[in-house]
Amino acid sequence: MADAAQSDVWTTILFQLGGGGILGFAAGYAFKKLLKLVLLVVGVFVIGLLALEYKGWVSVNYTALANSIERALTGGASAAAGVKSHIIANLPFAGAFLAGFALGFKAG
């Protein structure tokens, strides 16, 4: 009877490690591809905005732009604090997910 319970524990742990690693790899790979696309779109937008400003067609309020970027970055930091407690609660899955995420991000 004890062997069955121990087997269930190992099955659960291996499932969490394997599933976390596979899902982490997929998420890391997709995140890097999406990040490249977002940076491309933002870069084209900024170049277009600068060109329009150079021609005198628009005027850019750089102070408001910097404030908006600062608010966005601050909001991301507060969201990361909530993720930390979730990761600690699911450590085996989270560890495998983070390792898989790093490998997927590198491969992407």
N, C-alpha and C. Protein backbone atom coordinates (compact mmCIF):
# COMPACT_ATOMS: atom_id res chain seq x y z
N MET A 1 0.82 -1.19 0.00
CA MET A 1 0.00 0.00 0.00
C MET A 1 0.87 1.26 0.00
N ALA A 2 1.96 1.24 0.73
CA ALA A 2 2.85 2.40 0.80
C ALA A 2 3.54 2.62 -0.55
N ASP A 3 3.81 1.51 -1.26
CA ASP A 3 4.44 1.64 -2.57
C ASP A 3 3.54 2.35 -3.57
N ALA A 4 2.23 2.10 -3.51
CA ALA A 4 1.29 2.76 -4.42
C ALA A 4 1.24 4.26 -4.15
N ALA A 5 1.23 4.64 -2.87
CA ALA A 5 1.20 6.06 -2.52
C ALA A 5 2.48 6.75 -2.95
N GLN A 6 3.61 6.05 -2.75
CA GLN A 6 4.90 6.63 -3.15
C GLN A 6 4.97 6.75 -4.67
N SER A 7 4.42 5.78 -5.37
CA SER A 7 4.40 5.81 -6.82
C SER A 7 3.55 6.99 -7.32
N ASP A 8 2.41 7.24 -6.65
CA ASP A 8 1.57 8.37 -7.03
C ASP A 8 2.30 9.69 -6.83
N VAL A 9 3.09 9.80 -5.78
CA VAL A 9 3.84 11.03 -5.52
C VAL A 9 4.87 11.25 -6.61
N TRP A 10 5.60 10.18 -6.96
CA TRP A 10 6.62 10.31 -8.01
C TRP A 10 6.00 10.61 -9.36
N THR A 11 4.85 10.00 -9.64
CA THR A 11 4.15 10.28 -10.90
C THR A 11 3.74 11.75 -10.97
N THR A 12 3.22 12.26 -9.87
CA THR A 12 2.82 13.66 -9.83
C THR A 12 4.01 14.59 -10.03
N ILE A 13 5.11 14.31 -9.34
CA ILE A 13 6.30 15.15 -9.46
C ILE A 13 6.85 15.11 -10.87
N LEU A 14 6.97 13.92 -11.46
CA LEU A 14 7.48 13.80 -12.82
C LEU A 14 6.56 14.48 -13.83
N PHE A 15 5.26 14.37 -13.60
CA PHE A 15 4.30 15.04 -14.49
C PHE A 15 4.47 16.55 -14.40
N GLN A 16 4.65 17.08 -13.19
CA GLN A 16 4.84 18.52 -13.02
C GLN A 16 6.14 18.97 -13.66
N LEU A 17 7.20 18.21 -13.48
CA LEU A 17 8.49 18.59 -14.06
C LEU A 17 8.46 18.53 -15.58
N GLY A 18 7.94 17.45 -16.13
CA GLY A 18 7.87 17.31 -17.58
C GLY A 18 6.93 18.32 -18.21
N GLY A 19 5.75 18.44 -17.64
CA GLY A 19 4.78 19.40 -18.17
C GLY A 19 5.27 20.82 -18.06
N GLY A 20 5.88 21.15 -16.93
CA GLY A 20 6.41 22.49 -16.74
C GLY A 20 7.52 22.80 -17.72
N GLY A 21 8.39 21.83 -17.96
CA GLY A 21 9.50 22.04 -18.89
C GLY A 21 9.01 22.24 -20.32
N ILE A 22 8.08 21.41 -20.74
CA ILE A 22 7.55 21.51 -22.10
C ILE A 22 6.78 22.82 -22.30
N LEU A 23 5.92 23.14 -21.34
CA LEU A 23 5.15 24.38 -21.46
C LEU A 23 6.06 25.60 -21.36
N GLY A 24 7.08 25.52 -20.52
CA GLY A 24 8.03 26.63 -20.40
C GLY A 24 8.80 26.85 -21.69
N PHE A 25 9.23 25.76 -22.33
CA PHE A 25 9.95 25.88 -23.60
C PHE A 25 9.07 26.54 -24.65
N ALA A 26 7.82 26.08 -24.74
CA ALA A 26 6.90 26.66 -25.73
C ALA A 26 6.63 28.13 -25.44
N ALA A 27 6.45 28.46 -24.17
CA ALA A 27 6.18 29.86 -23.81
C ALA A 27 7.40 30.73 -24.09
N GLY A 28 8.59 30.26 -23.76
CA GLY A 28 9.81 31.04 -24.01
C GLY A 28 10.05 31.26 -25.48
N TYR A 29 9.84 30.23 -26.27
CA TYR A 29 10.02 30.33 -27.72
C TYR A 29 9.03 31.33 -28.31
N ALA A 30 7.76 31.21 -27.92
CA ALA A 30 6.73 32.11 -28.43
C ALA A 30 6.97 33.54 -27.96
N PHE A 31 7.39 33.70 -26.69
CA PHE A 31 7.64 35.03 -26.15
C PHE A 31 8.74 35.74 -26.92
N LYS A 32 9.81 35.03 -27.25
CA LYS A 32 10.90 35.67 -27.98
C LYS A 32 10.45 36.08 -29.38
N LYS A 33 9.69 35.22 -30.05
CA LYS A 33 9.20 35.56 -31.38
C LYS A 33 8.26 36.76 -31.31
N LEU A 34 7.37 36.77 -30.32
CA LEU A 34 6.44 37.88 -30.16
C LEU A 34 7.19 39.16 -29.80
N LEU A 35 8.21 39.06 -28.96
CA LEU A 35 9.00 40.22 -28.58
C LEU A 35 9.69 40.83 -29.79
N LYS A 36 10.22 40.01 -30.67
CA LYS A 36 10.85 40.51 -31.89
C LYS A 36 9.83 41.27 -32.75
N LEU A 37 8.64 40.72 -32.87
CA LEU A 37 7.60 41.36 -33.67
C LEU A 37 7.18 42.69 -33.05
N VAL A 38 6.99 42.71 -31.74
CA VAL A 38 6.59 43.94 -31.05
C VAL A 38 7.66 45.01 -31.21
N LEU A 39 8.93 44.62 -31.04
CA LEU A 39 10.01 45.59 -31.17
C LEU A 39 10.11 46.13 -32.60
N LEU A 40 9.85 45.29 -33.58
CA LEU A 40 9.84 45.74 -34.97
C LEU A 40 8.73 46.77 -35.20
N VAL A 41 7.54 46.48 -34.71
CA VAL A 41 6.41 47.39 -34.89
C VAL A 41 6.67 48.71 -34.16
N VAL A 42 7.18 48.64 -32.93
CA VAL A 42 7.47 49.86 -32.18
C VAL A 42 8.56 50.67 -32.88
N GLY A 43 9.59 50.00 -33.39
CA GLY A 43 10.66 50.69 -34.10
C GLY A 43 10.16 51.41 -35.35
N VAL A 44 9.33 50.75 -36.13
CA VAL A 44 8.77 51.37 -37.33
C VAL A 44 7.89 52.55 -36.94
N PHE A 45 7.10 52.40 -35.87
CA PHE A 45 6.25 53.49 -35.40
C PHE A 45 7.08 54.70 -34.98
N VAL A 46 8.15 54.47 -34.22
CA VAL A 46 8.99 55.57 -33.74
C VAL A 46 9.67 56.26 -34.92
N ILE A 47 10.18 55.50 -35.86
CA ILE A 47 10.82 56.10 -37.04
C ILE A 47 9.80 56.93 -37.82
N GLY A 48 8.60 56.40 -37.99
CA GLY A 48 7.56 57.16 -38.68
C GLY A 48 7.19 58.43 -37.93
N LEU A 49 7.09 58.33 -36.61
CA LEU A 49 6.77 59.50 -35.80
C LEU A 49 7.86 60.55 -35.90
N LEU A 50 9.11 60.13 -35.85
CA LEU A 50 10.22 61.07 -35.98
C LEU A 50 10.25 61.72 -37.37
N ALA A 51 9.92 60.94 -38.38
CA ALA A 51 9.88 61.50 -39.74
C ALA A 51 8.77 62.54 -39.87
N LEU A 52 7.61 62.24 -39.28
CA LEU A 52 6.50 63.20 -39.32
C LEU A 52 6.84 64.47 -38.55
N GLU A 53 7.55 64.31 -37.43
CA GLU A 53 7.95 65.48 -36.66
C GLU A 53 9.00 66.30 -37.42
N TYR A 54 9.91 65.61 -38.08
CA TYR A 54 10.95 66.29 -38.87
C TYR A 54 10.32 67.15 -39.98
N LYS A 55 9.28 66.60 -40.60
CA LYS A 55 8.59 67.32 -41.68
C LYS A 55 7.73 68.47 -41.13
N GLY A 56 7.50 68.48 -39.81
CA GLY A 56 6.69 69.53 -39.21
C GLY A 56 5.21 69.23 -39.22
N TRP A 57 4.82 68.02 -39.51
CA TRP A 57 3.41 67.66 -39.59
C TRP A 57 2.81 67.36 -38.22
N VAL A 58 3.64 66.91 -37.28
CA VAL A 58 3.17 66.63 -35.92
C VAL A 58 4.16 67.21 -34.92
N SER A 59 3.69 67.38 -33.70
CA SER A 59 4.55 67.82 -32.61
C SER A 59 4.43 66.78 -31.49
N VAL A 60 5.55 66.25 -31.03
CA VAL A 60 5.55 65.18 -30.04
C VAL A 60 5.84 65.78 -28.66
N ASN A 61 4.99 65.46 -27.69
CA ASN A 61 5.19 65.87 -26.30
C ASN A 61 6.02 64.78 -25.62
N TYR A 62 7.33 64.96 -25.59
CA TYR A 62 8.23 63.93 -25.08
C TYR A 62 8.09 63.73 -23.57
N THR A 63 7.69 64.76 -22.85
CA THR A 63 7.48 64.61 -21.40
C THR A 63 6.31 63.66 -21.13
N ALA A 64 5.21 63.83 -21.84
CA ALA A 64 4.05 62.94 -21.68
C ALA A 64 4.40 61.52 -22.11
N LEU A 65 5.18 61.39 -23.17
CA LEU A 65 5.59 60.07 -23.63
C LEU A 65 6.45 59.37 -22.58
N ALA A 66 7.40 60.09 -22.00
CA ALA A 66 8.26 59.50 -20.96
C ALA A 66 7.44 59.11 -19.73
N ASN A 67 6.46 59.94 -19.35
CA ASN A 67 5.60 59.61 -18.21
C ASN A 67 4.77 58.36 -18.47
N SER A 68 4.27 58.21 -19.69
CA SER A 68 3.49 57.03 -20.04
C SER A 68 4.34 55.76 -19.98
N ILE A 69 5.56 55.85 -20.48
CA ILE A 69 6.45 54.70 -20.45
C ILE A 69 6.80 54.33 -19.01
N GLU A 70 7.03 55.34 -18.18
CA GLU A 70 7.36 55.09 -16.77
C GLU A 70 6.20 54.42 -16.05
N ARG A 71 4.96 54.85 -16.30
CA ARG A 71 3.79 54.22 -15.68
C ARG A 71 3.65 52.77 -16.13
N ALA A 72 3.91 52.50 -17.40
CA ALA A 72 3.80 51.13 -17.91
C ALA A 72 4.83 50.22 -17.25
N LEU A 73 6.05 50.71 -17.10
CA LEU A 73 7.10 49.90 -16.47
C LEU A 73 6.82 49.67 -15.00
N THR A 74 6.29 50.65 -14.30
CA THR A 74 5.96 50.51 -12.88
C THR A 74 4.84 49.50 -12.69
N GLY A 75 3.86 49.51 -13.57
CA GLY A 75 2.76 48.55 -13.50
C GLY A 75 3.23 47.12 -13.70
N GLY A 76 4.22 46.92 -14.56
CA GLY A 76 4.77 45.59 -14.78
C GLY A 76 5.50 45.07 -13.56
N ALA A 77 6.17 45.95 -12.83
CA ALA A 77 6.88 45.53 -11.62
C ALA A 77 5.92 45.09 -10.53
N SER A 78 4.79 45.77 -10.40
CA SER A 78 3.83 45.38 -9.36
C SER A 78 3.15 44.06 -9.72
N ALA A 79 2.94 43.80 -10.99
CA ALA A 79 2.35 42.52 -11.41
C ALA A 79 3.32 41.37 -11.14
N ALA A 80 4.61 41.61 -11.28
CA ALA A 80 5.60 40.57 -11.03
C ALA A 80 5.62 40.15 -9.58
N ALA A 81 5.30 41.04 -8.65
CA ALA A 81 5.28 40.70 -7.23
C ALA A 81 4.20 39.65 -6.94
N GLY A 82 3.07 39.73 -7.60
CA GLY A 82 2.01 38.74 -7.41
C GLY A 82 2.37 37.39 -7.99
N VAL A 83 3.16 37.37 -9.04
CA VAL A 83 3.59 36.12 -9.66
C VAL A 83 4.56 35.37 -8.75
N LYS A 84 5.34 36.10 -8.00
CA LYS A 84 6.35 35.50 -7.12
C LYS A 84 5.71 34.54 -6.11
N SER A 85 4.63 34.93 -5.47
CA SER A 85 3.99 34.06 -4.49
C SER A 85 3.40 32.82 -5.16
N HIS A 86 2.90 32.96 -6.36
CA HIS A 86 2.35 31.81 -7.10
C HIS A 86 3.46 30.82 -7.46
N ILE A 87 4.62 31.34 -7.85
CA ILE A 87 5.75 30.47 -8.21
C ILE A 87 6.22 29.67 -6.99
N ILE A 88 6.31 30.33 -5.85
CA ILE A 88 6.76 29.64 -4.64
C ILE A 88 5.78 28.55 -4.24
N ALA A 89 4.49 28.77 -4.45
CA ALA A 89 3.49 27.77 -4.10
C ALA A 89 3.57 26.53 -4.99
N ASN A 90 4.04 26.68 -6.20
CA ASN A 90 4.12 25.57 -7.16
C ASN A 90 5.55 25.37 -7.62
N LEU A 91 6.45 25.17 -6.69
CA LEU A 91 7.88 25.18 -6.97
C LEU A 91 8.35 24.14 -8.00
N PRO A 92 7.97 22.86 -7.93
CA PRO A 92 8.48 21.92 -8.94
C PRO A 92 8.08 22.31 -10.36
N PHE A 93 6.82 22.63 -10.53
CA PHE A 93 6.33 23.03 -11.85
C PHE A 93 7.00 24.32 -12.28
N ALA A 94 7.09 25.28 -11.36
CA ALA A 94 7.66 26.58 -11.69
C ALA A 94 9.13 26.47 -12.06
N GLY A 95 9.87 25.65 -11.34
CA GLY A 95 11.29 25.48 -11.65
C GLY A 95 11.50 24.89 -13.03
N ALA A 96 10.74 23.86 -13.34
CA ALA A 96 10.84 23.26 -14.67
C ALA A 96 10.37 24.23 -15.74
N PHE A 97 9.31 24.98 -15.43
CA PHE A 97 8.79 25.96 -16.40
C PHE A 97 9.85 27.02 -16.68
N LEU A 98 10.49 27.54 -15.65
CA LEU A 98 11.49 28.59 -15.84
C LEU A 98 12.71 28.06 -16.62
N ALA A 99 13.12 26.84 -16.32
CA ALA A 99 14.23 26.25 -17.07
C ALA A 99 13.84 26.06 -18.53
N GLY A 100 12.65 25.53 -18.78
CA GLY A 100 12.16 25.37 -20.14
C GLY A 100 11.99 26.69 -20.85
N PHE A 101 11.52 27.71 -20.12
CA PHE A 101 11.34 29.04 -20.68
C PHE A 101 12.68 29.60 -21.14
N ALA A 102 13.72 29.44 -20.31
CA ALA A 102 15.05 29.93 -20.67
C ALA A 102 15.58 29.22 -21.92
N LEU A 103 15.38 27.92 -21.99
CA LEU A 103 15.83 27.17 -23.18
C LEU A 103 15.04 27.58 -24.42
N GLY A 104 13.73 27.72 -24.27
CA GLY A 104 12.91 28.14 -25.41
C GLY A 104 13.23 29.54 -25.86
N PHE A 105 13.50 30.45 -24.92
CA PHE A 105 13.85 31.82 -25.26
C PHE A 105 15.17 31.85 -26.02
N LYS A 106 16.12 31.01 -25.58
CA LYS A 106 17.41 30.95 -26.26
C LYS A 106 17.26 30.36 -27.66
N ALA A 107 16.41 29.35 -27.80
CA ALA A 107 16.22 28.70 -29.10
C ALA A 107 15.45 29.59 -30.07
N GLY A 108 14.56 30.43 -29.55
CA GLY A 108 13.72 31.27 -30.39
C GLY A 108 14.52 32.32 -31.05
